[in-house]
Amino acid sequence: MASQNIEGDLRILDGDIVLLSDGKRLLPDIQRDWIEQTTLAKFNLPPHTWGVWDSGQPLPATAASDDLGYEVGTFGTDAPRLTAGDLKAAGATTRRCRRTVDIPAEYDSGQTVQIRLAAGMLTTIADTSCTVDVEAYKIGRDGLKTGSDLVSTAAMTMNSTVVGDKTFEVTAGALTPGDKLDVRISITCTDAATGTVVKPIIADLDLLCDIRG
């Protein structure tokens, strides 16, 4: 880096002033907006961190009632995942999970926030439909939810044996680093008479957001 000495205690480095005092380098405070933005940085939300949506308890190993399940599968063959269980011939069924999600300290206030799921069906698709939906509410310092559902994306189909990304946009205008979201995921599957396994799964979950730092 080119430098030019002006006096004994002042040096200009590529246009930035650096003061030297008693042999110590004194740098100006780094401002966050000086840092290049990283778009859609990934913060994983692992399947095991989600809980029963209306009690906060750990998810059951087998989905039941209105709760998704957390399956670990066979080591070396399967990966841990969220599942709605085998819903063949079960009619219309909705199962859910929930957790809080922290907006990271590096978040660039008011910039893009997304929740992305890798979702699909094991073995067979539902004969009618299967969708996944995400809701998110900001939690205030008083422990109360503030405002309405921040997710602007409607429920999306996951009725495919190819597990694929489903990205839900979060309205981020009022979000700042350290904010906390209360997030609920719902899988709604309708199957009337399929003879083989119809199992909706979510294999991976991420918070994506623009950050600086």
C-alpha atoms as a PDB file:
ATOM      1  CA  MET A   1       0.000   0.000   0.000  1.00  0.00           C
ATOM      2  CA  ALA A   2       1.493   3.368  -1.090  1.00  0.00           C
ATOM      3  CA  SER A   3       2.178   5.918   1.681  1.00  0.00           C
ATOM      4  CA  GLN A   4       3.380   9.499   1.962  1.00  0.00           C
ATOM      5  CA  ASN A   5       4.975  10.908   5.110  1.00  0.00           C
ATOM      6  CA  ILE A   6       3.856  14.477   5.840  1.00  0.00           C
ATOM      7  CA  GLU A   7       5.061  14.880   9.422  1.00  0.00           C
ATOM      8  CA  GLY A   8       6.423  12.577  12.051  1.00  0.00           C
ATOM      9  CA  ASP A   9       3.030  11.649  13.453  1.00  0.00           C
ATOM     10  CA  LEU A  10       0.778  11.763  10.362  1.00  0.00           C
ATOM     11  CA  ARG A  11       0.671   9.380   7.432  1.00  0.00           C
ATOM     12  CA  ILE A  12      -1.829   9.239   4.573  1.00  0.00           C
ATOM     13  CA  LEU A  13      -2.481   5.744   3.208  1.00  0.00           C
ATOM     14  CA  ASP A  14      -4.383   5.603  -0.085  1.00  0.00           C
ATOM     15  CA  GLY A  15      -6.492   8.587   0.900  1.00  0.00           C
ATOM     16  CA  ASP A  16      -7.271   7.425   4.436  1.00  0.00           C
ATOM     17  CA  ILE A  17      -5.687   9.288   7.334  1.00  0.00           C
ATOM     18  CA  VAL A  18      -3.948   7.186   9.979  1.00  0.00           C
ATOM     19  CA  LEU A  19      -2.575   8.908  13.074  1.00  0.00           C
ATOM     20  CA  LEU A  20       0.499   7.524  14.804  1.00  0.00           C
ATOM     21  CA  SER A  21       1.032   8.300  18.482  1.00  0.00           C
ATOM     22  CA  ASP A  22       3.835   6.891  20.634  1.00  0.00           C
ATOM     23  CA  GLY A  23       4.444   4.212  18.047  1.00  0.00           C
ATOM     24  CA  LYS A  24       0.816   3.032  18.096  1.00  0.00           C
ATOM     25  CA  ARG A  25      -1.397   3.049  15.051  1.00  0.00           C
ATOM     26  CA  LEU A  26      -4.735   4.764  15.605  1.00  0.00           C
ATOM     27  CA  LEU A  27      -7.349   3.774  13.054  1.00  0.00           C
ATOM     28  CA  PRO A  28     -10.759   5.402  12.578  1.00  0.00           C
ATOM     29  CA  ASP A  29     -13.788   3.407  13.742  1.00  0.00           C
ATOM     30  CA  ILE A  30     -14.988   1.063  11.009  1.00  0.00           C
ATOM     31  CA  GLN A  31     -18.557   1.894  10.011  1.00  0.00           C
ATOM     32  CA  ARG A  32     -20.887  -0.996   9.168  1.00  0.00           C
ATOM     33  CA  ASP A  33     -21.909   0.581   5.871  1.00  0.00           C
ATOM     34  CA  TRP A  34     -18.251   0.524   4.771  1.00  0.00           C
ATOM     35  CA  ILE A  35     -18.383  -3.275   4.682  1.00  0.00           C
ATOM     36  CA  GLU A  36     -19.474  -4.928   1.449  1.00  0.00           C
ATOM     37  CA  GLN A  37     -22.891  -6.553   1.720  1.00  0.00           C
ATOM     38  CA  THR A  38     -23.147 -10.336   1.467  1.00  0.00           C
ATOM     39  CA  THR A  39     -26.493 -11.218  -0.073  1.00  0.00           C
ATOM     40  CA  LEU A  40     -28.579 -14.115   1.196  1.00  0.00           C
ATOM     41  CA  ALA A  41     -26.098 -15.459   3.724  1.00  0.00           C
ATOM     42  CA  LYS A  42     -27.290 -18.823   5.053  1.00  0.00           C
ATOM     43  CA  PHE A  43     -28.063 -19.563   8.710  1.00  0.00           C
ATOM     44  CA  ASN A  44     -29.207 -23.160   9.133  1.00  0.00           C
ATOM     45  CA  LEU A  45     -32.338 -24.016  11.147  1.00  0.00           C
ATOM     46  CA  PRO A  46     -31.781 -27.762  11.691  1.00  0.00           C
ATOM     47  CA  PRO A  47     -34.767 -30.136  11.880  1.00  0.00           C
ATOM     48  CA  HIS A  48     -33.993 -31.124  15.493  1.00  0.00           C
ATOM     49  CA  THR A  49     -34.410 -27.505  16.676  1.00  0.00           C
ATOM     50  CA  TRP A  50     -38.129 -27.354  15.866  1.00  0.00           C
ATOM     51  CA  GLY A  51     -40.789 -28.174  18.433  1.00  0.00           C
ATOM     52  CA  VAL A  52     -44.484 -28.923  18.921  1.00  0.00           C
ATOM     53  CA  TRP A  53     -46.204 -25.792  17.706  1.00  0.00           C
ATOM     54  CA  ASP A  54     -48.684 -25.328  20.583  1.00  0.00           C
ATOM     55  CA  SER A  55     -46.643 -26.608  23.539  1.00  0.00           C
ATOM     56  CA  GLY A  56     -42.959 -25.988  22.806  1.00  0.00           C
ATOM     57  CA  GLN A  57     -42.088 -29.596  23.608  1.00  0.00           C
ATOM     58  CA  PRO A  58     -39.676 -31.559  21.364  1.00  0.00           C
ATOM     59  CA  LEU A  59     -41.295 -33.014  18.271  1.00  0.00           C
ATOM     60  CA  PRO A  60     -42.389 -36.658  18.531  1.00  0.00           C
ATOM     61  CA  ALA A  61     -40.438 -39.283  16.604  1.00  0.00           C
ATOM     62  CA  THR A  62     -43.638 -40.130  14.742  1.00  0.00           C
ATOM     63  CA  ALA A  63     -45.961 -37.445  13.405  1.00  0.00           C
ATOM     64  CA  ALA A  64     -49.395 -37.542  14.979  1.00  0.00           C
ATOM     65  CA  SER A  65     -52.510 -35.452  15.507  1.00  0.00           C
ATOM     66  CA  ASP A  66     -51.596 -31.945  14.263  1.00  0.00           C
ATOM     67  CA  ASP A  67     -47.837 -32.232  14.914  1.00  0.00           C
ATOM     68  CA  LEU A  68     -45.007 -32.917  12.523  1.00  0.00           C
ATOM     69  CA  GLY A  69     -42.492 -35.559  13.559  1.00  0.00           C
ATOM     70  CA  TYR A  70     -38.701 -35.566  13.747  1.00  0.00           C
ATOM     71  CA  GLU A  71     -37.260 -38.704  12.134  1.00  0.00           C
ATOM     72  CA  VAL A  72     -33.599 -39.624  12.347  1.00  0.00           C
ATOM     73  CA  GLY A  73     -33.877 -42.637  10.020  1.00  0.00           C
ATOM     74  CA  THR A  74     -31.146 -45.230   9.523  1.00  0.00           C
ATOM     75  CA  PHE A  75     -27.607 -43.987  10.081  1.00  0.00           C
ATOM     76  CA  GLY A  76     -25.617 -44.088   6.857  1.00  0.00           C
ATOM     77  CA  THR A  77     -28.783 -44.247   4.775  1.00  0.00           C
ATOM     78  CA  ASP A  78     -31.183 -41.543   5.943  1.00  0.00           C
ATOM     79  CA  ALA A  79     -30.660 -38.018   7.232  1.00  0.00           C
ATOM     80  CA  PRO A  80     -32.674 -36.478  10.095  1.00  0.00           C
ATOM     81  CA  ARG A  81     -35.757 -34.681   8.769  1.00  0.00           C
ATOM     82  CA  LEU A  82     -39.156 -33.276   9.568  1.00  0.00           C
ATOM     83  CA  THR A  83     -42.101 -35.345   8.368  1.00  0.00           C
ATOM     84  CA  ALA A  84     -45.884 -35.293   8.350  1.00  0.00           C
ATOM     85  CA  GLY A  85     -45.925 -39.093   8.488  1.00  0.00           C
ATOM     86  CA  ASP A  86     -47.573 -41.517   6.071  1.00  0.00           C
ATOM     87  CA  LEU A  87     -50.795 -39.799   4.982  1.00  0.00           C
ATOM     88  CA  LYS A  88     -52.022 -42.231   2.341  1.00  0.00           C
ATOM     89  CA  ALA A  89     -55.845 -42.341   2.324  1.00  0.00           C
ATOM     90  CA  ALA A  90     -55.883 -39.953   5.326  1.00  0.00           C
ATOM     91  CA  GLY A  91     -58.011 -37.273   3.682  1.00  0.00           C
ATOM     92  CA  ALA A  92     -57.199 -33.630   4.433  1.00  0.00           C
ATOM     93  CA  THR A  93     -54.576 -33.394   7.195  1.00  0.00           C
ATOM     94  CA  THR A  94     -52.551 -30.446   8.513  1.00  0.00           C
ATOM     95  CA  ARG A  95     -49.497 -30.915  10.730  1.00  0.00           C
ATOM     96  CA  ARG A  96     -47.190 -28.233  12.104  1.00  0.00           C
ATOM     97  CA  CYS A  97     -44.004 -27.321  13.941  1.00  0.00           C
ATOM     98  CA  ARG A  98     -42.651 -24.092  15.423  1.00  0.00           C
ATOM     99  CA  ARG A  99     -39.549 -22.350  16.804  1.00  0.00           C
ATOM    100  CA  THR A 100     -38.141 -18.890  17.394  1.00  0.00           C
ATOM    101  CA  VAL A 101     -35.577 -17.568  14.907  1.00  0.00           C
ATOM    102  CA  ASP A 102     -33.058 -14.839  15.728  1.00  0.00           C
ATOM    103  CA  ILE A 103     -32.176 -12.222  13.140  1.00  0.00           C
ATOM    104  CA  PRO A 104     -28.341 -12.338  13.208  1.00  0.00           C
ATOM    105  CA  ALA A 105     -26.182  -9.516  14.524  1.00  0.00           C
ATOM    106  CA  GLU A 106     -24.617  -9.084  11.065  1.00  0.00           C
ATOM    107  CA  TYR A 107     -27.994  -8.448   9.400  1.00  0.00           C
ATOM    108  CA  ASP A 108     -28.191  -5.357   7.188  1.00  0.00           C
ATOM    109  CA  SER A 109     -31.292  -3.624   8.590  1.00  0.00           C
ATOM    110  CA  GLY A 110     -34.328  -3.583   6.313  1.00  0.00           C
ATOM    111  CA  GLN A 111     -32.715  -5.803   3.661  1.00  0.00           C
ATOM    112  CA  THR A 112     -33.815  -9.173   2.290  1.00  0.00           C
ATOM    113  CA  VAL A 113     -34.908 -11.928   4.668  1.00  0.00           C
ATOM    114  CA  GLN A 114     -36.132 -15.337   3.498  1.00  0.00           C
ATOM    115  CA  ILE A 115     -36.973 -18.714   5.012  1.00  0.00           C
ATOM    116  CA  ARG A 116     -36.070 -21.575   2.677  1.00  0.00           C
ATOM    117  CA  LEU A 117     -37.186 -25.183   2.994  1.00  0.00           C
ATOM    118  CA  ALA A 118     -36.125 -28.261   1.051  1.00  0.00           C
ATOM    119  CA  ALA A 119     -39.431 -30.144   0.820  1.00  0.00           C
ATOM    120  CA  GLY A 120     -41.005 -33.012  -1.105  1.00  0.00           C
ATOM    121  CA  MET A 121     -42.663 -36.426  -0.898  1.00  0.00           C
ATOM    122  CA  LEU A 122     -41.217 -39.851  -0.191  1.00  0.00           C
ATOM    123  CA  THR A 123     -42.234 -42.763  -2.423  1.00  0.00           C
ATOM    124  CA  THR A 124     -45.511 -41.394  -3.835  1.00  0.00           C
ATOM    125  CA  ILE A 125     -47.210 -38.033  -4.311  1.00  0.00           C
ATOM    126  CA  ALA A 126     -50.616 -37.331  -2.815  1.00  0.00           C
ATOM    127  CA  ASP A 127     -53.477 -38.031  -5.229  1.00  0.00           C
ATOM    128  CA  THR A 128     -54.977 -34.576  -4.574  1.00  0.00           C
ATOM    129  CA  SER A 129     -52.486 -32.066  -3.117  1.00  0.00           C
ATOM    130  CA  CYS A 130     -49.777 -31.347  -0.572  1.00  0.00           C
ATOM    131  CA  THR A 131     -48.619 -27.841   0.357  1.00  0.00           C
ATOM    132  CA  VAL A 132     -46.241 -26.225   2.825  1.00  0.00           C
ATOM    133  CA  ASP A 133     -46.758 -22.821   4.410  1.00  0.00           C
ATOM    134  CA  VAL A 134     -44.626 -20.585   6.648  1.00  0.00           C
ATOM    135  CA  GLU A 135     -45.811 -17.872   9.039  1.00  0.00           C
ATOM    136  CA  ALA A 136     -43.583 -15.493  11.007  1.00  0.00           C
ATOM    137  CA  TYR A 137     -44.365 -12.851  13.629  1.00  0.00           C
ATOM    138  CA  LYS A 138     -41.940 -10.418  15.221  1.00  0.00           C
ATOM    139  CA  ILE A 139     -41.675 -10.807  18.999  1.00  0.00           C
ATOM    140  CA  GLY A 140     -41.413  -7.608  21.033  1.00  0.00           C
ATOM    141  CA  ARG A 141     -39.166  -7.048  24.051  1.00  0.00           C
ATOM    142  CA  ASP A 142     -42.269  -7.449  26.214  1.00  0.00           C
ATOM    143  CA  GLY A 143     -42.717 -11.005  24.907  1.00  0.00           C
ATOM    144  CA  LEU A 144     -45.755 -10.073  22.839  1.00  0.00           C
ATOM    145  CA  LYS A 145     -46.103 -10.468  19.090  1.00  0.00           C
ATOM    146  CA  THR A 146     -46.110  -7.210  17.196  1.00  0.00           C
ATOM    147  CA  GLY A 147     -47.968  -6.660  13.929  1.00  0.00           C
ATOM    148  CA  SER A 148     -49.201  -9.317  11.521  1.00  0.00           C
ATOM    149  CA  ASP A 149     -47.703 -12.293   9.691  1.00  0.00           C
ATOM    150  CA  LEU A 150     -44.525 -11.060   7.994  1.00  0.00           C
ATOM    151  CA  VAL A 151     -44.390 -13.822   5.376  1.00  0.00           C
ATOM    152  CA  SER A 152     -45.682 -12.482   2.066  1.00  0.00           C
ATOM    153  CA  THR A 153     -45.400 -15.764   0.130  1.00  0.00           C
ATOM    154  CA  ALA A 154     -48.496 -17.970  -0.108  1.00  0.00           C
ATOM    155  CA  ALA A 155     -48.474 -21.696   0.636  1.00  0.00           C
ATOM    156  CA  MET A 156     -46.493 -23.621  -1.982  1.00  0.00           C
ATOM    157  CA  THR A 157     -46.963 -27.082  -3.407  1.00  0.00           C
ATOM    158  CA  MET A 158     -44.499 -29.742  -2.297  1.00  0.00           C
ATOM    159  CA  ASN A 159     -46.334 -32.592  -4.040  1.00  0.00           C
ATOM    160  CA  SER A 160     -43.325 -34.017  -5.883  1.00  0.00           C
ATOM    161  CA  THR A 161     -40.985 -36.938  -5.228  1.00  0.00           C
ATOM    162  CA  VAL A 162     -38.118 -34.569  -6.073  1.00  0.00           C
ATOM    163  CA  VAL A 163     -37.195 -32.643  -2.926  1.00  0.00           C
ATOM    164  CA  GLY A 164     -36.842 -29.004  -3.937  1.00  0.00           C
ATOM    165  CA  ASP A 165     -36.358 -25.561  -2.423  1.00  0.00           C
ATOM    166  CA  LYS A 166     -39.412 -23.588  -1.320  1.00  0.00           C
ATOM    167  CA  THR A 167     -38.491 -19.989  -0.546  1.00  0.00           C
ATOM    168  CA  PHE A 168     -40.732 -17.752   1.560  1.00  0.00           C
ATOM    169  CA  GLU A 169     -40.170 -13.989   1.580  1.00  0.00           C
ATOM    170  CA  VAL A 170     -40.274 -12.188   4.938  1.00  0.00           C
ATOM    171  CA  THR A 171     -41.327  -8.533   4.945  1.00  0.00           C
ATOM    172  CA  ALA A 172     -38.202  -6.980   6.400  1.00  0.00           C
ATOM    173  CA  GLY A 173     -38.743  -3.216   6.402  1.00  0.00           C
ATOM    174  CA  ALA A 174     -38.949  -3.020  10.200  1.00  0.00           C
ATOM    175  CA  LEU A 175     -36.414  -5.763  11.026  1.00  0.00           C
ATOM    176  CA  THR A 176     -33.080  -4.993  12.670  1.00  0.00           C
ATOM    177  CA  PRO A 177     -30.186  -7.114  13.985  1.00  0.00           C
ATOM    178  CA  GLY A 178     -31.146  -9.092  17.085  1.00  0.00           C
ATOM    179  CA  ASP A 179     -34.892  -9.148  16.382  1.00  0.00           C
ATOM    180  CA  LYS A 180     -36.655 -12.417  17.119  1.00  0.00           C
ATOM    181  CA  LEU A 181     -39.286 -14.137  14.968  1.00  0.00           C
ATOM    182  CA  ASP A 182     -41.895 -16.681  16.033  1.00  0.00           C
ATOM    183  CA  VAL A 183     -42.073 -19.061  13.045  1.00  0.00           C
ATOM    184  CA  ARG A 184     -44.607 -21.797  12.313  1.00  0.00           C
ATOM    185  CA  ILE A 185     -44.484 -24.289   9.450  1.00  0.00           C
ATOM    186  CA  SER A 186     -47.617 -26.112   8.280  1.00  0.00           C
ATOM    187  CA  ILE A 187     -47.882 -29.057   5.896  1.00  0.00           C
ATOM    188  CA  THR A 188     -51.372 -29.714   4.513  1.00  0.00           C
ATOM    189  CA  CYS A 189     -51.822 -32.957   2.601  1.00  0.00           C
ATOM    190  CA  THR A 190     -54.967 -34.384   0.999  1.00  0.00           C
ATOM    191  CA  ASP A 191     -54.902 -37.983  -0.167  1.00  0.00           C
ATOM    192  CA  ALA A 192     -57.975 -40.142  -0.675  1.00  0.00           C
ATOM    193  CA  ALA A 193     -56.886 -43.596  -1.733  1.00  0.00           C
ATOM    194  CA  THR A 194     -53.235 -43.941  -2.679  1.00  0.00           C
ATOM    195  CA  GLY A 195     -52.043 -47.463  -1.913  1.00  0.00           C
ATOM    196  CA  THR A 196     -48.375 -46.743  -1.239  1.00  0.00           C
ATOM    197  CA  VAL A 197     -46.602 -44.491   1.265  1.00  0.00           C
ATOM    198  CA  VAL A 198     -47.438 -40.779   0.943  1.00  0.00           C
ATOM    199  CA  LYS A 199     -44.988 -39.054   3.291  1.00  0.00           C
ATOM    200  CA  PRO A 200     -44.307 -35.312   3.096  1.00  0.00           C
ATOM    201  CA  ILE A 201     -40.825 -34.402   4.367  1.00  0.00           C
ATOM    202  CA  ILE A 202     -38.746 -31.283   4.989  1.00  0.00           C
ATOM    203  CA  ALA A 203     -35.097 -32.246   4.656  1.00  0.00           C
ATOM    204  CA  ASP A 204     -33.424 -28.898   5.352  1.00  0.00           C
ATOM    205  CA  LEU A 205     -34.339 -25.404   6.581  1.00  0.00           C
ATOM    206  CA  ASP A 206     -32.458 -22.097   6.407  1.00  0.00           C
ATOM    207  CA  LEU A 207     -32.777 -18.435   7.257  1.00  0.00           C
ATOM    208  CA  LEU A 208     -31.361 -16.396   4.381  1.00  0.00           C
ATOM    209  CA  CYS A 209     -30.602 -12.709   4.832  1.00  0.00           C
ATOM    210  CA  ASP A 210     -28.385  -9.898   3.608  1.00  0.00           C
ATOM    211  CA  ILE A 211     -25.539  -9.149   6.009  1.00  0.00           C
ATOM    212  CA  ARG A 212     -22.554  -6.855   6.469  1.00  0.00           C
ATOM    213  CA  GLY A 213     -19.682  -8.345   8.414  1.00  0.00           C
END
